[in-house]
PDB file of N, CA and C in Angstrom:
ATOM      1  N   MET A   1       0.815  -1.198   0.000  1.00  0.00           N
ATOM      2  CA  MET A   1       0.000   0.000   0.000  1.00  0.00           C
ATOM      3  C   MET A   1       0.857   1.260   0.000  1.00  0.00           C
ATOM      4  N   HIS A   2       2.064   1.128  -0.394  1.00  0.00           N
ATOM      5  CA  HIS A   2       2.918   2.307  -0.427  1.00  0.00           C
ATOM      6  C   HIS A   2       2.843   3.029  -1.752  1.00  0.00           C
ATOM      7  N   ASN A   3       2.091   2.493  -2.660  1.00  0.00           N
ATOM      8  CA  ASN A   3       1.954   3.100  -3.973  1.00  0.00           C
ATOM      9  C   ASN A   3       1.014   4.310  -3.840  1.00  0.00           C
ATOM     10  N   PRO A   4       1.442   5.516  -4.246  1.00  0.00           N
ATOM     11  CA  PRO A   4       0.602   6.710  -4.127  1.00  0.00           C
ATOM     12  C   PRO A   4      -0.677   6.618  -4.964  1.00  0.00           C
ATOM     13  N   LEU A   5      -0.622   5.939  -6.078  1.00  0.00           N
ATOM     14  CA  LEU A   5      -1.818   5.783  -6.901  1.00  0.00           C
ATOM     15  C   LEU A   5      -2.869   4.946  -6.171  1.00  0.00           C
ATOM     16  N   MET A   6      -2.446   3.900  -5.499  1.00  0.00           N
ATOM     17  CA  MET A   6      -3.377   3.062  -4.740  1.00  0.00           C
ATOM     18  C   MET A   6      -3.962   3.845  -3.561  1.00  0.00           C
ATOM     19  N   MET A   7      -3.124   4.690  -2.919  1.00  0.00           N
ATOM     20  CA  MET A   7      -3.607   5.526  -1.806  1.00  0.00           C
ATOM     21  C   MET A   7      -4.657   6.520  -2.302  1.00  0.00           C
ATOM     22  N   LEU A   8      -4.428   7.089  -3.458  1.00  0.00           N
ATOM     23  CA  LEU A   8      -5.374   8.039  -4.038  1.00  0.00           C
ATOM     24  C   LEU A   8      -6.691   7.344  -4.382  1.00  0.00           C
ATOM     25  N   ILE A   9      -6.607   6.168  -4.934  1.00  0.00           N
ATOM     26  CA  ILE A   9      -7.814   5.399  -5.275  1.00  0.00           C
ATOM     27  C   ILE A   9      -8.561   5.018  -3.991  1.00  0.00           C
ATOM     28  N   ALA A  10      -7.834   4.601  -2.959  1.00  0.00           N
ATOM     29  CA  ALA A  10      -8.451   4.228  -1.677  1.00  0.00           C
ATOM     30  C   ALA A  10      -9.133   5.440  -1.033  1.00  0.00           C
ATOM     31  N   LEU A  11      -8.502   6.613  -1.081  1.00  0.00           N
ATOM     32  CA  LEU A  11      -9.093   7.836  -0.519  1.00  0.00           C
ATOM     33  C   LEU A  11     -10.344   8.250  -1.302  1.00  0.00           C
ATOM     34  N   ALA A  12     -10.299   8.144  -2.617  1.00  0.00           N
ATOM     35  CA  ALA A  12     -11.465   8.481  -3.438  1.00  0.00           C
ATOM     36  C   ALA A  12     -12.611   7.527  -3.128  1.00  0.00           C
ATOM     37  N   LEU A  13     -12.299   6.243  -3.002  1.00  0.00           N
ATOM     38  CA  LEU A  13     -13.315   5.253  -2.655  1.00  0.00           C
ATOM     39  C   LEU A  13     -13.893   5.533  -1.269  1.00  0.00           C
ATOM     40  N   LEU A  14     -13.050   5.881  -0.318  1.00  0.00           N
ATOM     41  CA  LEU A  14     -13.496   6.220   1.039  1.00  0.00           C
ATOM     42  C   LEU A  14     -14.391   7.455   1.019  1.00  0.00           C
ATOM     43  N   PHE A  15     -14.019   8.439   0.218  1.00  0.00           N
ATOM     44  CA  PHE A  15     -14.823   9.659   0.105  1.00  0.00           C
ATOM     45  C   PHE A  15     -16.219   9.341  -0.433  1.00  0.00           C
ATOM     46  N   PHE A  16     -16.298   8.579  -1.506  1.00  0.00           N
ATOM     47  CA  PHE A  16     -17.599   8.255  -2.095  1.00  0.00           C
ATOM     48  C   PHE A  16     -18.440   7.383  -1.172  1.00  0.00           C
ATOM     49  N   LEU A  17     -17.823   6.462  -0.454  1.00  0.00           N
ATOM     50  CA  LEU A  17     -18.562   5.634   0.497  1.00  0.00           C
ATOM     51  C   LEU A  17     -19.079   6.470   1.670  1.00  0.00           C
ATOM     52  N   ALA A  18     -18.268   7.399   2.160  1.00  0.00           N
ATOM     53  CA  ALA A  18     -18.686   8.274   3.261  1.00  0.00           C
ATOM     54  C   ALA A  18     -19.832   9.187   2.809  1.00  0.00           C
ATOM     55  N   ARG A  19     -19.714   9.680   1.599  1.00  0.00           N
ATOM     56  CA  ARG A  19     -20.767  10.544   1.061  1.00  0.00           C
ATOM     57  C   ARG A  19     -22.075   9.766   0.911  1.00  0.00           C
ATOM     58  N   ALA A  20     -22.002   8.547   0.427  1.00  0.00           N
ATOM     59  CA  ALA A  20     -23.200   7.715   0.280  1.00  0.00           C
ATOM     60  C   ALA A  20     -23.810   7.405   1.646  1.00  0.00           C
ATOM     61  N   ALA A  21     -22.957   7.121   2.633  1.00  0.00           N
ATOM     62  CA  ALA A  21     -23.457   6.844   3.985  1.00  0.00           C
ATOM     63  C   ALA A  21     -24.145   8.091   4.563  1.00  0.00           C
ATOM     64  N   TRP A  22     -23.572   9.267   4.327  1.00  0.00           N
ATOM     65  CA  TRP A  22     -24.169  10.508   4.829  1.00  0.00           C
ATOM     66  C   TRP A  22     -25.531  10.753   4.168  1.00  0.00           C
ATOM     67  N   ASN A  23     -25.643  10.503   2.868  1.00  0.00           N
ATOM     68  CA  ASN A  23     -26.929  10.674   2.175  1.00  0.00           C
ATOM     69  C   ASN A  23     -27.983   9.712   2.704  1.00  0.00           C
ATOM     70  N   VAL A  24     -27.585   8.488   3.000  1.00  0.00           N
ATOM     71  CA  VAL A  24     -28.514   7.512   3.570  1.00  0.00           C
ATOM     72  C   VAL A  24     -28.957   7.968   4.957  1.00  0.00           C
ATOM     73  N   HIS A  25     -28.019   8.471   5.753  1.00  0.00           N
ATOM     74  CA  HIS A  25     -28.338   8.955   7.099  1.00  0.00           C
ATOM     75  C   HIS A  25     -29.315  10.134   7.024  1.00  0.00           C
ATOM     76  N   ARG A  26     -29.077  11.071   6.128  1.00  0.00           N
ATOM     77  CA  ARG A  26     -29.958  12.235   5.976  1.00  0.00           C
ATOM     78  C   ARG A  26     -31.348  11.803   5.498  1.00  0.00           C
ATOM     79  N   SER A  27     -31.403  10.871   4.561  1.00  0.00           N
ATOM     80  CA  SER A  27     -32.686  10.360   4.069  1.00  0.00           C
ATOM     81  C   SER A  27     -33.447   9.649   5.181  1.00  0.00           C
ATOM     82  N   ALA A  28     -32.746   8.923   6.024  1.00  0.00           N
ATOM     83  CA  ALA A  28     -33.391   8.232   7.145  1.00  0.00           C
ATOM     84  C   ALA A  28     -34.013   9.249   8.105  1.00  0.00           C
ATOM     85  N   GLY A  29     -33.342  10.366   8.313  1.00  0.00           N
ATOM     86  CA  GLY A  29     -33.899  11.418   9.173  1.00  0.00           C
ATOM     87  C   GLY A  29     -35.165  12.005   8.583  1.00  0.00           C
ATOM     88  N   LEU A  30     -35.167  12.260   7.274  1.00  0.00           N
ATOM     89  CA  LEU A  30     -36.363  12.793   6.616  1.00  0.00           C
ATOM     90  C   LEU A  30     -37.515  11.793   6.667  1.00  0.00           C
ATOM     91  N   VAL A  31     -37.195  10.526   6.449  1.00  0.00           N
ATOM     92  CA  VAL A  31     -38.227   9.491   6.497  1.00  0.00           C
ATOM     93  C   VAL A  31     -38.808   9.399   7.904  1.00  0.00           C
ATOM     94  N   SER A  32     -37.956   9.489   8.895  1.00  0.00           N
ATOM     95  CA  SER A  32     -38.422   9.429  10.284  1.00  0.00           C
ATOM     96  C   SER A  32     -39.354  10.603  10.600  1.00  0.00           C
ATOM     97  N   THR A  33     -39.006  11.789  10.134  1.00  0.00           N
ATOM     98  CA  THR A  33     -39.858  12.964  10.350  1.00  0.00           C
ATOM     99  C   THR A  33     -41.199  12.796   9.651  1.00  0.00           C
ATOM    100  N   ARG A  34     -41.161  12.355   8.398  1.00  0.00           N
ATOM    101  CA  ARG A  34     -42.411  12.157   7.654  1.00  0.00           C
ATOM    102  C   ARG A  34     -43.255  11.053   8.262  1.00  0.00           C
ATOM    103  N   LEU A  35     -42.609  10.026   8.791  1.00  0.00           N
ATOM    104  CA  LEU A  35     -43.343   8.938   9.434  1.00  0.00           C
ATOM    105  C   LEU A  35     -44.071   9.437  10.674  1.00  0.00           C
ATOM    106  N   SER A  36     -43.407  10.273  11.474  1.00  0.00           N
ATOM    107  CA  SER A  36     -44.069  10.800  12.680  1.00  0.00           C
ATOM    108  C   SER A  36     -45.214  11.734  12.302  1.00  0.00           C
ATOM    109  N   GLN A  37     -45.052  12.520  11.232  1.00  0.00           N
ATOM    110  CA  GLN A  37     -46.141  13.379  10.777  1.00  0.00           C
ATOM    111  C   GLN A  37     -47.313  12.546  10.272  1.00  0.00           C
ATOM    112  N   ALA A  38     -47.022  11.498   9.531  1.00  0.00           N
ATOM    113  CA  ALA A  38     -48.085  10.630   9.019  1.00  0.00           C
ATOM    114  C   ALA A  38     -48.798   9.913  10.161  1.00  0.00           C
ATOM    115  N   GLN A  39     -48.051   9.509  11.178  1.00  0.00           N
ATOM    116  CA  GLN A  39     -48.659   8.842  12.326  1.00  0.00           C
ATOM    117  C   GLN A  39     -49.574   9.808  13.087  1.00  0.00           C
ATOM    118  N   ALA A  40     -49.145  11.064  13.240  1.00  0.00           N
ATOM    119  CA  ALA A  40     -49.975  12.064  13.913  1.00  0.00           C
ATOM    120  C   ALA A  40     -51.256  12.316  13.122  1.00  0.00           C
ATOM    121  N   GLU A  41     -51.139  12.406  11.803  1.00  0.00           N
ATOM    122  CA  GLU A  41     -52.321  12.602  10.966  1.00  0.00           C
ATOM    123  C   GLU A  41     -53.246  11.393  11.027  1.00  0.00           C
ATOM    124  N   LYS A  42     -52.658  10.194  11.047  1.00  0.00           N
ATOM    125  CA  LYS A  42     -53.469   8.969  11.151  1.00  0.00           C
ATOM    126  C   LYS A  42     -54.232   8.941  12.474  1.00  0.00           C
ATOM    127  N   ASP A  43     -53.558   9.331  13.565  1.00  0.00           N
ATOM    128  CA  ASP A  43     -54.230   9.371  14.870  1.00  0.00           C
ATOM    129  C   ASP A  43     -55.381  10.370  14.862  1.00  0.00           C
ATOM    130  N   LYS A  44     -55.148  11.520  14.232  1.00  0.00           N
ATOM    131  CA  LYS A  44     -56.198  12.544  14.151  1.00  0.00           C
ATOM    132  C   LYS A  44     -57.378  12.029  13.332  1.00  0.00           C
ATOM    133  N   LEU A  45     -57.097  11.372  12.214  1.00  0.00           N
ATOM    134  CA  LEU A  45     -58.167  10.835  11.373  1.00  0.00           C
ATOM    135  C   LEU A  45     -58.905   9.685  12.055  1.00  0.00           C
ATOM    136  N   ASP A  46     -58.175   8.879  12.821  1.00  0.00           N
ATOM    137  CA  ASP A  46     -58.832   7.802  13.574  1.00  0.00           C
ATOM    138  C   ASP A  46     -59.798   8.373  14.612  1.00  0.00           C
ATOM    139  N   ALA A  47     -59.374   9.451  15.295  1.00  0.00           N
ATOM    140  CA  ALA A  47     -60.247  10.085  16.283  1.00  0.00           C
ATOM    141  C   ALA A  47     -61.483  10.672  15.602  1.00  0.00           C
ATOM    142  N   GLU A  48     -61.293  11.285  14.432  1.00  0.00           N
ATOM    143  CA  GLU A  48     -62.419  11.851  13.695  1.00  0.00           C
ATOM    144  C   GLU A  48     -63.352  10.739  13.210  1.00  0.00           C
ATOM    145  N   LYS A  49     -62.773   9.624  12.772  1.00  0.00           N
ATOM    146  CA  LYS A  49     -63.580   8.481  12.331  1.00  0.00           C
ATOM    147  C   LYS A  49     -64.414   7.946  13.493  1.00  0.00           C
ATOM    148  N   GLN A  50     -63.808   7.849  14.662  1.00  0.00           N
ATOM    149  CA  GLN A  50     -64.531   7.370  15.846  1.00  0.00           C
ATOM    150  C   GLN A  50     -65.668   8.317  16.200  1.00  0.00           C
ATOM    151  N   SER A  51     -65.394   9.608  16.123  1.00  0.00           N
ATOM    152  CA  SER A  51     -66.425  10.609  16.424  1.00  0.00           C
ATOM    153  C   SER A  51     -67.579  10.521  15.429  1.00  0.00           C
ATOM    154  N   LEU A  52     -67.241  10.409  14.148  1.00  0.00           N
ATOM    155  CA  LEU A  52     -68.284  10.319  13.127  1.00  0.00           C
ATOM    156  C   LEU A  52     -69.073   9.016  13.245  1.00  0.00           C
ATOM    157  N   SER A  53     -68.399   7.929  13.575  1.00  0.00           N
ATOM    158  CA  SER A  53     -69.096   6.652  13.756  1.00  0.00           C
ATOM    159  C   SER A  53     -70.080   6.753  14.915  1.00  0.00           C
ATOM    160  N   SER A  54     -69.668   7.410  15.971  1.00  0.00           N
ATOM    161  CA  SER A  54     -70.551   7.603  17.126  1.00  0.00           C
ATOM    162  C   SER A  54     -71.758   8.455  16.741  1.00  0.00           C
ATOM    163  N   LYS A  55     -71.504   9.499  15.970  1.00  0.00           N
ATOM    164  CA  LYS A  55     -72.588  10.385  15.540  1.00  0.00           C
ATOM    165  C   LYS A  55     -73.553   9.642  14.613  1.00  0.00           C
ATOM    166  N   ILE A  56     -73.014   8.816  13.716  1.00  0.00           N
ATOM    167  CA  ILE A  56     -73.862   8.018  12.821  1.00  0.00           C
ATOM    168  C   ILE A  56     -74.705   7.053  13.633  1.00  0.00           C
ATOM    169  N   GLY A  57     -74.093   6.457  14.659  1.00  0.00           N
ATOM    170  CA  GLY A  57     -74.845   5.550  15.530  1.00  0.00           C
ATOM    171  C   GLY A  57     -75.986   6.260  16.229  1.00  0.00           C
ATOM    172  N   ASP A  58     -75.726   7.492  16.688  1.00  0.00           N
ATOM    173  CA  ASP A  58     -76.781   8.271  17.343  1.00  0.00           C
ATOM    174  C   ASP A  58     -77.881   8.651  16.360  1.00  0.00           C
ATOM    175  N   LEU A  59     -77.494   9.024  15.152  1.00  0.00           N
ATOM    176  CA  LEU A  59     -78.485   9.457  14.162  1.00  0.00           C
ATOM    177  C   LEU A  59     -79.288   8.296  13.577  1.00  0.00           C
ATOM    178  N   SER A  60     -78.816   7.085  13.767  1.00  0.00           N
ATOM    179  CA  SER A  60     -79.553   5.945  13.222  1.00  0.00           C
ATOM    180  C   SER A  60     -80.734   5.546  14.108  1.00  0.00           C
ATOM    181  N   THR A  61     -80.822   6.122  15.291  1.00  0.00           N
ATOM    182  CA  THR A  61     -81.975   5.851  16.164  1.00  0.00           C
ATOM    183  C   THR A  61     -82.991   6.973  16.004  1.00  0.00           C
ATOM    184  N   PRO A  62     -84.269   6.690  16.175  1.00  0.00           N
ATOM    185  CA  PRO A  62     -85.284   7.739  16.052  1.00  0.00           C
ATOM    186  C   PRO A  62     -85.090   8.869  17.071  1.00  0.00           C
ATOM    187  N   SER A  63     -84.731   8.527  18.303  1.00  0.00           N
ATOM    188  CA  SER A  63     -84.556   9.579  19.315  1.00  0.00           C
ATOM    189  C   SER A  63     -83.338  10.447  19.001  1.00  0.00           C
ATOM    190  N   GLY A  64     -82.274   9.842  18.484  1.00  0.00           N
ATOM    191  CA  GLY A  64     -81.092  10.620  18.122  1.00  0.00           C
ATOM    192  C   GLY A  64     -81.365  11.549  16.952  1.00  0.00           C
ATOM    193  N   LEU A  65     -82.118  11.064  15.977  1.00  0.00           N
ATOM    194  CA  LEU A  65     -82.487  11.885  14.824  1.00  0.00           C
ATOM    195  C   LEU A  65     -83.363  13.050  15.262  1.00  0.00           C
ATOM    196  N   GLU A  66     -84.333  12.755  16.132  1.00  0.00           N
ATOM    197  CA  GLU A  66     -85.216  13.814  16.625  1.00  0.00           C
ATOM    198  C   GLU A  66     -84.417  14.859  17.406  1.00  0.00           C
ATOM    199  N   SER A  67     -83.498  14.393  18.228  1.00  0.00           N
ATOM    200  CA  SER A  67     -82.670  15.317  19.009  1.00  0.00           C
ATOM    201  C   SER A  67     -81.841  16.219  18.103  1.00  0.00           C
ATOM    202  N   GLU A  68     -81.238  15.652  17.074  1.00  0.00           N
ATOM    203  CA  GLU A  68     -80.425  16.448  16.148  1.00  0.00           C
ATOM    204  C   GLU A  68     -81.288  17.454  15.393  1.00  0.00           C
ATOM    205  N   LEU A  69     -82.475  17.047  14.960  1.00  0.00           N
ATOM    206  CA  LEU A  69     -83.374  17.973  14.264  1.00  0.00           C
ATOM    207  C   LEU A  69     -83.798  19.114  15.180  1.00  0.00           C
ATOM    208  N   ARG A  70     -84.069  18.799  16.433  1.00  0.00           N
ATOM    209  CA  ARG A  70     -84.462  19.849  17.380  1.00  0.00           C
ATOM    210  C   ARG A  70     -83.325  20.833  17.629  1.00  0.00           C
ATOM    211  N   ILE A  71     -82.100  20.321  17.729  1.00  0.00           N
ATOM    212  CA  ILE A  71     -80.953  21.190  18.013  1.00  0.00           C
ATOM    213  C   ILE A  71     -80.571  22.007  16.782  1.00  0.00           C
ATOM    214  N   LYS A  72     -80.418  21.338  15.657  1.00  0.00           N
ATOM    215  CA  LYS A  72     -79.898  22.001  14.464  1.00  0.00           C
ATOM    216  C   LYS A  72     -80.917  22.929  13.809  1.00  0.00           C
ATOM    217  N   TYR A  73     -82.161  22.487  13.707  1.00  0.00           N
ATOM    218  CA  TYR A  73     -83.160  23.264  12.973  1.00  0.00           C
ATOM    219  C   TYR A  73     -84.239  23.852  13.881  1.00  0.00           C
ATOM    220  N   ARG A  74     -84.076  23.693  15.189  1.00  0.00           N
ATOM    221  CA  ARG A  74     -85.052  24.192  16.165  1.00  0.00           C
ATOM    222  C   ARG A  74     -86.467  23.718  15.815  1.00  0.00           C
ATOM    223  N   ALA A  75     -86.546  22.474  15.421  1.00  0.00           N
ATOM    224  CA  ALA A  75     -87.833  21.886  15.046  1.00  0.00           C
ATOM    225  C   ALA A  75     -88.635  21.547  16.306  1.00  0.00           C
ATOM    226  N   VAL A  76     -89.935  21.674  16.202  1.00  0.00           N
ATOM    227  CA  VAL A  76     -90.836  21.314  17.303  1.00  0.00           C
ATOM    228  C   VAL A  76     -91.913  20.397  16.754  1.00  0.00           C
ATOM    229  N   LYS A  77     -92.461  19.591  17.649  1.00  0.00           N
ATOM    230  CA  LYS A  77     -93.557  18.719  17.244  1.00  0.00           C
ATOM    231  C   LYS A  77     -94.834  19.530  17.164  1.00  0.00           C
ATOM    232  N   GLU A  78     -95.796  18.978  16.468  1.00  0.00           N
ATOM    233  CA  GLU A  78     -97.083  19.647  16.350  1.00  0.00           C
ATOM    234  C   GLU A  78     -97.694  19.784  17.743  1.00  0.00           C
ATOM    235  N   GLY A  79     -98.161  20.989  18.067  1.00  0.00           N
ATOM    236  CA  GLY A  79     -98.759  21.249  19.374  1.00  0.00           C
ATOM    237  C   GLY A  79     -97.751  21.789  20.389  1.00  0.00           C
ATOM    238  N   GLU A  80     -96.473  21.708  20.121  1.00  0.00           N
ATOM    239  CA  GLU A  80     -95.471  22.260  21.028  1.00  0.00           C
ATOM    240  C   GLU A  80     -95.241  23.728  20.690  1.00  0.00           C
ATOM    241  N   SER A  81     -94.732  24.462  21.661  1.00  0.00           N
ATOM    242  CA  SER A  81     -94.381  25.855  21.410  1.00  0.00           C
ATOM    243  C   SER A  81     -93.024  26.122  22.036  1.00  0.00           C
ATOM    244  N   VAL A  82     -92.410  27.202  21.622  1.00  0.00           N
ATOM    245  CA  VAL A  82     -91.082  27.556  22.102  1.00  0.00           C
ATOM    246  C   VAL A  82     -91.217  28.666  23.132  1.00  0.00           C
ATOM    247  N   ALA A  83     -90.531  28.518  24.249  1.00  0.00           N
ATOM    248  CA  ALA A  83     -90.519  29.539  25.296  1.00  0.00           C
ATOM    249  C   ALA A  83     -89.125  30.135  25.363  1.00  0.00           C
ATOM    250  N   VAL A  84     -89.053  31.465  25.404  1.00  0.00           N
ATOM    251  CA  VAL A  84     -87.773  32.151  25.519  1.00  0.00           C
ATOM    252  C   VAL A  84     -87.690  32.721  26.920  1.00  0.00           C
ATOM    253  N   ILE A  85     -86.682  32.316  27.673  1.00  0.00           N
ATOM    254  CA  ILE A  85     -86.516  32.767  29.051  1.00  0.00           C
ATOM    255  C   ILE A  85     -85.403  33.794  29.069  1.00  0.00           C
ATOM    256  N   VAL A  86     -85.701  34.976  29.606  1.00  0.00           N
ATOM    257  CA  VAL A  86     -84.743  36.065  29.652  1.00  0.00           C
ATOM    258  C   VAL A  86     -84.359  36.291  31.105  1.00  0.00           C
ATOM    259  N   ASN A  87     -83.070  36.331  31.360  1.00  0.00           N
ATOM    260  CA  ASN A  87     -82.564  36.577  32.701  1.00  0.00           C
ATOM    261  C   ASN A  87     -82.605  38.076  32.976  1.00  0.00           C
ATOM    262  N   LYS A  88     -83.100  38.486  34.157  1.00  0.00           N
ATOM    263  CA  LYS A  88     -83.207  39.915  34.484  1.00  0.00           C
ATOM    264  C   LYS A  88     -81.854  40.612  34.462  1.00  0.00           C
ATOM    265  N   ASP A  89     -80.833  39.940  34.943  1.00  0.00           N
ATOM    266  CA  ASP A  89     -79.509  40.552  35.043  1.00  0.00           C
ATOM    267  C   ASP A  89     -78.876  40.825  33.691  1.00  0.00           C
ATOM    268  N   GLN A  90     -79.290  40.132  32.667  1.00  0.00           N
ATOM    269  CA  GLN A  90     -78.655  40.273  31.354  1.00  0.00           C
ATOM    270  C   GLN A  90     -79.495  41.080  30.376  1.00  0.00           C
ATOM    271  N   THR A  91     -80.539  41.764  30.839  1.00  0.00           N
ATOM    272  CA  THR A  91     -81.350  42.556  29.924  1.00  0.00           C
ATOM    273  C   THR A  91     -80.592  43.794  29.515  1.00  0.00           C
ATOM    274  N   THR A  92     -80.817  44.211  28.291  1.00  0.00           N
ATOM    275  CA  THR A  92     -80.173  45.413  27.766  1.00  0.00           C
ATOM    276  C   THR A  92     -81.261  46.332  27.235  1.00  0.00           C
ATOM    277  N   SER A  93     -80.849  47.505  26.812  1.00  0.00           N
ATOM    278  CA  SER A  93     -81.826  48.445  26.284  1.00  0.00           C
ATOM    279  C   SER A  93     -82.412  47.915  24.988  1.00  0.00           C
ATOM    280  N   SER A  94     -83.591  48.331  24.709  1.00  0.00           N
ATOM    281  CA  SER A  94     -84.274  47.871  23.502  1.00  0.00           C
ATOM    282  C   SER A  94     -83.545  48.376  22.272  1.00  0.00           C
ATOM    283  N   SER A  95     -83.574  47.601  21.224  1.00  0.00           N
ATOM    284  CA  SER A  95     -82.894  48.017  19.994  1.00  0.00           C
ATOM    285  C   SER A  95     -83.908  48.297  18.895  1.00  0.00           C
ATOM    286  N   SER A  96     -85.018  48.931  19.273  1.00  0.00           N
ATOM    287  CA  SER A  96     -85.993  49.302  18.262  1.00  0.00           C
ATOM    288  C   SER A  96     -85.438  50.451  17.435  1.00  0.00           C
ATOM    289  N   PRO A  97     -85.952  50.664  16.237  1.00  0.00           N
ATOM    290  CA  PRO A  97     -85.415  51.722  15.376  1.00  0.00           C
ATOM    291  C   PRO A  97     -85.468  53.106  16.027  1.00  0.00           C
ATOM    292  N   SER A  98     -86.520  53.407  16.788  1.00  0.00           N
ATOM    293  CA  SER A  98     -86.590  54.735  17.400  1.00  0.00           C
ATOM    294  C   SER A  98     -85.520  54.892  18.465  1.00  0.00           C
ATOM    295  N   ASN A  99     -85.223  53.841  19.210  1.00  0.00           N
ATOM    296  CA  ASN A  99     -84.162  53.925  20.210  1.00  0.00           C
ATOM    297  C   ASN A  99     -82.795  54.040  19.553  1.00  0.00           C
ATOM    298  N   LEU A 100     -82.621  53.415  18.404  1.00  0.00           N
ATOM    299  CA  LEU A 100     -81.343  53.506  17.720  1.00  0.00           C
ATOM    300  C   LEU A 100     -81.099  54.925  17.209  1.00  0.00           C
ATOM    301  N   LEU A 101     -82.138  55.572  16.703  1.00  0.00           N
ATOM    302  CA  LEU A 101     -81.961  56.925  16.183  1.00  0.00           C
ATOM    303  C   LEU A 101     -81.726  57.925  17.299  1.00  0.00           C
ATOM    304  N   ASN A 102     -82.319  57.704  18.458  1.00  0.00           N
ATOM    305  CA  ASN A 102     -82.153  58.636  19.570  1.00  0.00           C
ATOM    306  C   ASN A 102     -80.928  58.297  20.411  1.00  0.00           C
ATOM    307  N   SER A 103     -80.230  57.244  20.101  1.00  0.00           N
ATOM    308  CA  SER A 103     -79.078  56.812  20.879  1.00  0.00           C
ATOM    309  C   SER A 103     -77.948  57.821  20.749  1.00  0.00           C
ATOM    310  N   SER A 104     -77.235  58.050  21.844  1.00  0.00           N
ATOM    311  CA  SER A 104     -76.113  58.982  21.801  1.00  0.00           C
ATOM    312  C   SER A 104     -74.835  58.284  21.383  1.00  0.00           C
ATOM    313  N   ASN A 105     -74.850  56.976  21.311  1.00  0.00           N
ATOM    314  CA  ASN A 105     -73.668  56.220  20.921  1.00  0.00           C
ATOM    315  C   ASN A 105     -73.585  56.184  19.396  1.00  0.00           C
ATOM    316  N   SER A 106     -72.679  56.965  18.826  1.00  0.00           N
ATOM    317  CA  SER A 106     -72.607  57.087  17.366  1.00  0.00           C
ATOM    318  C   SER A 106     -72.062  55.826  16.711  1.00  0.00           C
ATOM    319  N   SER A 107     -71.268  55.011  17.443  1.00  0.00           N
ATOM    320  CA  SER A 107     -70.744  53.802  16.813  1.00  0.00           C
ATOM    321  C   SER A 107     -71.865  52.803  16.556  1.00  0.00           C
ATOM    322  N   ASN A 108     -72.841  52.703  17.479  1.00  0.00           N
ATOM    323  CA  ASN A 108     -73.987  51.824  17.234  1.00  0.00           C
ATOM    324  C   ASN A 108     -74.798  52.337  16.058  1.00  0.00           C
ATOM    325  N   LEU A 109     -74.944  53.663  15.991  1.00  0.00           N
ATOM    326  CA  LEU A 109     -75.713  54.260  14.920  1.00  0.00           C
ATOM    327  C   LEU A 109     -75.041  54.019  13.573  1.00  0.00           C
ATOM    328  N   SER A 110     -73.718  54.203  13.534  1.00  0.00           N
ATOM    329  CA  SER A 110     -73.031  54.025  12.249  1.00  0.00           C
ATOM    330  C   SER A 110     -73.010  52.564  11.834  1.00  0.00           C
ATOM    331  N   ARG A 111     -73.024  51.619  12.803  1.00  0.00           N
ATOM    332  CA  ARG A 111     -73.061  50.209  12.437  1.00  0.00           C
ATOM    333  C   ARG A 111     -74.424  49.828  11.875  1.00  0.00           C
ATOM    334  N   GLN A 112     -75.509  50.506  12.311  1.00  0.00           N
ATOM    335  CA  GLN A 112     -76.844  50.165  11.867  1.00  0.00           C
ATOM    336  C   GLN A 112     -77.208  50.880  10.572  1.00  0.00           C
ATOM    337  N   MET A 113     -76.573  52.004  10.276  1.00  0.00           N
ATOM    338  CA  MET A 113     -76.905  52.785   9.091  1.00  0.00           C
ATOM    339  C   MET A 113     -76.127  52.267   7.891  1.00  0.00           C
ATOM    340  N   GLY A 114     -76.720  52.377   6.727  1.00  0.00           N
ATOM    341  CA  GLY A 114     -76.036  52.010   5.496  1.00  0.00           C
ATOM    342  C   GLY A 114     -75.117  53.135   5.054  1.00  0.00           C
ATOM    343  N   TRP A 115     -74.381  52.897   3.977  1.00  0.00           N
ATOM    344  CA  TRP A 115     -73.422  53.911   3.547  1.00  0.00           C
ATOM    345  C   TRP A 115     -74.131  55.162   3.041  1.00  0.00           C
ATOM    346  N   TRP A 116     -75.307  55.019   2.424  1.00  0.00           N
ATOM    347  CA  TRP A 116     -76.039  56.175   1.920  1.00  0.00           C
ATOM    348  C   TRP A 116     -76.521  57.039   3.083  1.00  0.00           C
ATOM    349  N   ASP A 117     -77.026  56.393   4.151  1.00  0.00           N
ATOM    350  CA  ASP A 117     -77.472  57.132   5.333  1.00  0.00           C
ATOM    351  C   ASP A 117     -76.306  57.864   5.989  1.00  0.00           C
ATOM    352  N   LYS A 118     -75.143  57.263   5.996  1.00  0.00           N
ATOM    353  CA  LYS A 118     -73.979  57.920   6.569  1.00  0.00           C
ATOM    354  C   LYS A 118     -73.607  59.174   5.773  1.00  0.00           C
ATOM    355  N   MET A 119     -73.663  59.038   4.436  1.00  0.00           N
ATOM    356  CA  MET A 119     -73.329  60.187   3.593  1.00  0.00           C
ATOM    357  C   MET A 119     -74.324  61.326   3.825  1.00  0.00           C
ATOM    358  N   LEU A 120     -75.610  60.993   3.909  1.00  0.00           N
ATOM    359  CA  LEU A 120     -76.615  62.021   4.145  1.00  0.00           C
ATOM    360  C   LEU A 120     -76.454  62.665   5.499  1.00  0.00           C
ATOM    361  N   SER A 121     -76.091  61.890   6.523  1.00  0.00           N
ATOM    362  CA  SER A 121     -75.913  62.481   7.848  1.00  0.00           C
ATOM    363  C   SER A 121     -74.679  63.371   7.901  1.00  0.00           C
ATOM    364  N   MET A 122     -73.669  63.063   7.061  1.00  0.00           N
ATOM    365  CA  MET A 122     -72.462  63.902   7.033  1.00  0.00           C
ATOM    366  C   MET A 122     -72.766  65.286   6.466  1.00  0.00           C
ATOM    367  N   ILE A 123     -73.682  65.370   5.498  1.00  0.00           N
ATOM    368  CA  ILE A 123     -73.992  66.688   4.924  1.00  0.00           C
ATOM    369  C   ILE A 123     -75.147  67.334   5.632  1.00  0.00           C
ATOM    370  N   GLY A 124     -75.687  66.677   6.651  1.00  0.00           N
ATOM    371  CA  GLY A 124     -76.731  67.297   7.482  1.00  0.00           C
ATOM    372  C   GLY A 124     -78.136  67.060   7.008  1.00  0.00           C
ATOM    373  N   LEU A 125     -78.386  66.103   6.161  1.00  0.00           N
ATOM    374  CA  LEU A 125     -79.744  65.823   5.706  1.00  0.00           C
ATOM    375  C   LEU A 125     -80.349  64.671   6.402  1.00  0.00           C
TER     376      LEU A 125
END
């Protein structure tokens, strides 16, 4: 192995083998990252599948279907009526049109008025 040509060939071979090993190592890291991302997405999709399966199971029963219709579309049976319960502590001022026009809060007024009404109020009409 004292021949300089053989040493040069051995070094070139070592360089290419090291480079190939480094590329394999880098690719393994990328694959590992993508695998963990795919596993996280699979877990998320499995949870969503379980949730949807549960919802389908509920909707396949008459009571579950009725419950969903009542919640989503506020449906009532014939002869039923809807009651609205208002808490005294959470009452606010009435928002009738006359109260809105007499309101001193200009931001509420400008939110309720259209752009044409705003233009007319700017010129005083």
